[in-house]
C-alpha atoms as a PDB file:
ATOM      1  CA  MET A   1       1.455  43.772   9.697  1.00  0.00           C
ATOM      2  CA  LYS A   2       3.570  41.368   7.927  1.00  0.00           C
ATOM      3  CA  LYS A   3       6.006  42.157   4.616  1.00  0.00           C
ATOM      4  CA  THR A   4       4.190  41.010   1.605  1.00  0.00           C
ATOM      5  CA  ILE A   5       6.943  38.819   0.688  1.00  0.00           C
ATOM      6  CA  ALA A   6       6.345  36.702   3.550  1.00  0.00           C
ATOM      7  CA  SER A   7       2.436  36.869   2.590  1.00  0.00           C
ATOM      8  CA  LYS A   8       0.679  33.292   1.887  1.00  0.00           C
ATOM      9  CA  GLU A   9      -0.985  35.847  -1.292  1.00  0.00           C
ATOM     10  CA  TYR A  10       2.811  36.503  -2.587  1.00  0.00           C
ATOM     11  CA  LYS A  11       3.953  32.677  -2.389  1.00  0.00           C
ATOM     12  CA  THR A  12       0.632  32.137  -4.048  1.00  0.00           C
ATOM     13  CA  LEU A  13       1.484  34.118  -7.057  1.00  0.00           C
ATOM     14  CA  VAL A  14       5.007  33.570  -6.869  1.00  0.00           C
ATOM     15  CA  ASP A  15       4.144  29.407  -7.277  1.00  0.00           C
ATOM     16  CA  TRP A  16       1.756  30.152  -9.900  1.00  0.00           C
ATOM     17  CA  LEU A  17       4.936  32.073 -11.981  1.00  0.00           C
ATOM     18  CA  ILE A  18       7.065  28.610 -11.302  1.00  0.00           C
ATOM     19  CA  LYS A  19       4.224  26.353 -12.371  1.00  0.00           C
ATOM     20  CA  ALA A  20       3.925  28.912 -15.525  1.00  0.00           C
ATOM     21  CA  ARG A  21       7.691  28.332 -16.224  1.00  0.00           C
ATOM     22  CA  GLN A  22       7.336  24.818 -15.390  1.00  0.00           C
ATOM     23  CA  SER A  23       4.253  24.056 -17.517  1.00  0.00           C
ATOM     24  CA  LYS A  24       6.842  25.631 -20.811  1.00  0.00           C
ATOM     25  CA  GLY A  25       9.589  23.694 -20.516  1.00  0.00           C
ATOM     26  CA  TYR A  26      11.647  26.739 -19.839  1.00  0.00           C
ATOM     27  CA  THR A  27      14.564  26.498 -17.220  1.00  0.00           C
ATOM     28  CA  MET A  28      15.618  29.417 -14.963  1.00  0.00           C
ATOM     29  CA  ARG A  29      18.217  30.573 -17.060  1.00  0.00           C
ATOM     30  CA  ASP A  30      15.955  30.067 -20.607  1.00  0.00           C
ATOM     31  CA  LEU A  31      13.470  32.546 -18.301  1.00  0.00           C
ATOM     32  CA  ALA A  32      16.197  35.291 -17.316  1.00  0.00           C
ATOM     33  CA  ALA A  33      17.297  35.135 -21.012  1.00  0.00           C
ATOM     34  CA  LYS A  34      13.660  35.998 -22.244  1.00  0.00           C
ATOM     35  CA  LEU A  35      13.974  38.685 -19.604  1.00  0.00           C
ATOM     36  CA  ASP A  36      17.477  40.054 -20.250  1.00  0.00           C
ATOM     37  CA  ARG A  37      18.022  39.475 -16.814  1.00  0.00           C
ATOM     38  CA  PRO A  38      20.740  37.324 -14.893  1.00  0.00           C
ATOM     39  CA  HIS A  39      19.841  34.073 -13.804  1.00  0.00           C
ATOM     40  CA  SER A  40      20.172  34.567 -10.385  1.00  0.00           C
ATOM     41  CA  TYR A  41      17.290  37.472 -10.566  1.00  0.00           C
ATOM     42  CA  VAL A  42      15.065  34.509 -11.558  1.00  0.00           C
ATOM     43  CA  GLY A  43      15.913  32.135  -8.737  1.00  0.00           C
ATOM     44  CA  LYS A  44      15.970  34.984  -6.182  1.00  0.00           C
ATOM     45  CA  ILE A  45      12.485  35.746  -7.332  1.00  0.00           C
ATOM     46  CA  GLU A  46      11.475  32.051  -7.053  1.00  0.00           C
ATOM     47  CA  GLN A  47      13.449  31.152  -3.623  1.00  0.00           C
ATOM     48  CA  LEU A  48      11.232  34.385  -2.142  1.00  0.00           C
ATOM     49  CA  GLU A  49      14.684  36.250  -1.697  1.00  0.00           C
ATOM     50  CA  ARG A  50      13.626  39.275  -3.890  1.00  0.00           C
ATOM     51  CA  ARG A  51       9.836  40.603  -4.933  1.00  0.00           C
ATOM     52  CA  LEU A  52       8.631  41.610  -7.587  1.00  0.00           C
ATOM     53  CA  ASP A  53       7.321  45.676  -8.575  1.00  0.00           C
ATOM     54  CA  VAL A  54       4.603  45.587 -10.363  1.00  0.00           C
ATOM     55  CA  VAL A  55       6.129  45.983 -13.639  1.00  0.00           C
ATOM     56  CA  GLU A  56       8.394  44.001 -13.699  1.00  0.00           C
ATOM     57  CA  PHE A  57       5.478  41.713 -12.419  1.00  0.00           C
ATOM     58  CA  VAL A  58       3.630  42.359 -15.827  1.00  0.00           C
ATOM     59  CA  GLU A  59       7.467  42.083 -17.896  1.00  0.00           C
ATOM     60  CA  TYR A  60       7.496  38.295 -16.034  1.00  0.00           C
ATOM     61  CA  CYS A  61       4.404  37.368 -16.963  1.00  0.00           C
ATOM     62  CA  ASN A  62       4.618  38.645 -20.389  1.00  0.00           C
ATOM     63  CA  ALA A  63       8.223  36.612 -21.160  1.00  0.00           C
ATOM     64  CA  LEU A  64       6.103  33.391 -20.019  1.00  0.00           C
ATOM     65  CA  LYS A  65       3.122  34.614 -21.974  1.00  0.00           C
ATOM     66  CA  LEU A  66       0.595  34.898 -19.294  1.00  0.00           C
ATOM     67  CA  ASP A  67      -2.150  37.562 -18.464  1.00  0.00           C
ATOM     68  CA  PRO A  68      -1.442  39.105 -15.282  1.00  0.00           C
ATOM     69  CA  VAL A  69      -4.775  39.911 -14.597  1.00  0.00           C
ATOM     70  CA  GLU A  70      -4.856  36.092 -13.629  1.00  0.00           C
ATOM     71  CA  GLY A  71      -2.158  36.163 -10.879  1.00  0.00           C
ATOM     72  CA  ILE A  72      -3.832  39.259  -9.533  1.00  0.00           C
ATOM     73  CA  GLU A  73      -6.880  37.406  -9.381  1.00  0.00           C
ATOM     74  CA  LEU A  74      -5.713  34.555  -7.671  1.00  0.00           C
ATOM     75  CA  MET A  75      -4.324  36.650  -4.736  1.00  0.00           C
ATOM     76  CA  LYS A  76      -7.619  38.413  -4.723  1.00  0.00           C
ATOM     77  CA  GLN A  77      -9.344  35.432  -4.138  1.00  0.00           C
ATOM     78  CA  LEU A  78      -6.853  34.115  -1.372  1.00  0.00           C
ATOM     79  CA  LYS A  79      -7.537  37.419   0.091  1.00  0.00           C
ATOM     80  CA  ALA A  80     -11.251  37.341  -0.119  1.00  0.00           C
ATOM     81  CA  ARG A  81     -11.105  34.002   1.936  1.00  0.00           C
ATOM     82  CA  LYS A  82      -9.122  35.125   4.737  1.00  0.00           C
ATOM     83  CA  LEU A  83     -12.301  38.095   5.419  1.00  0.00           C
END
């Protein structure tokens, strides 16, 4: 079994978060400030060097004003295509 950080589903989820950040005009530093984290936190997540746990994912989505369920549904759709 592949580690989740290397999975296509996780990469798709992170891409979804990146696109949302960019569409709102936020830099990585802007988002890090909203999350009260160092900018390297966002950088490592976006470069797939660090995995978000479920609580962090929800916080990340809240900072971007995203519904976390949308990201989960996106991953579910990808997983269903594999079956």
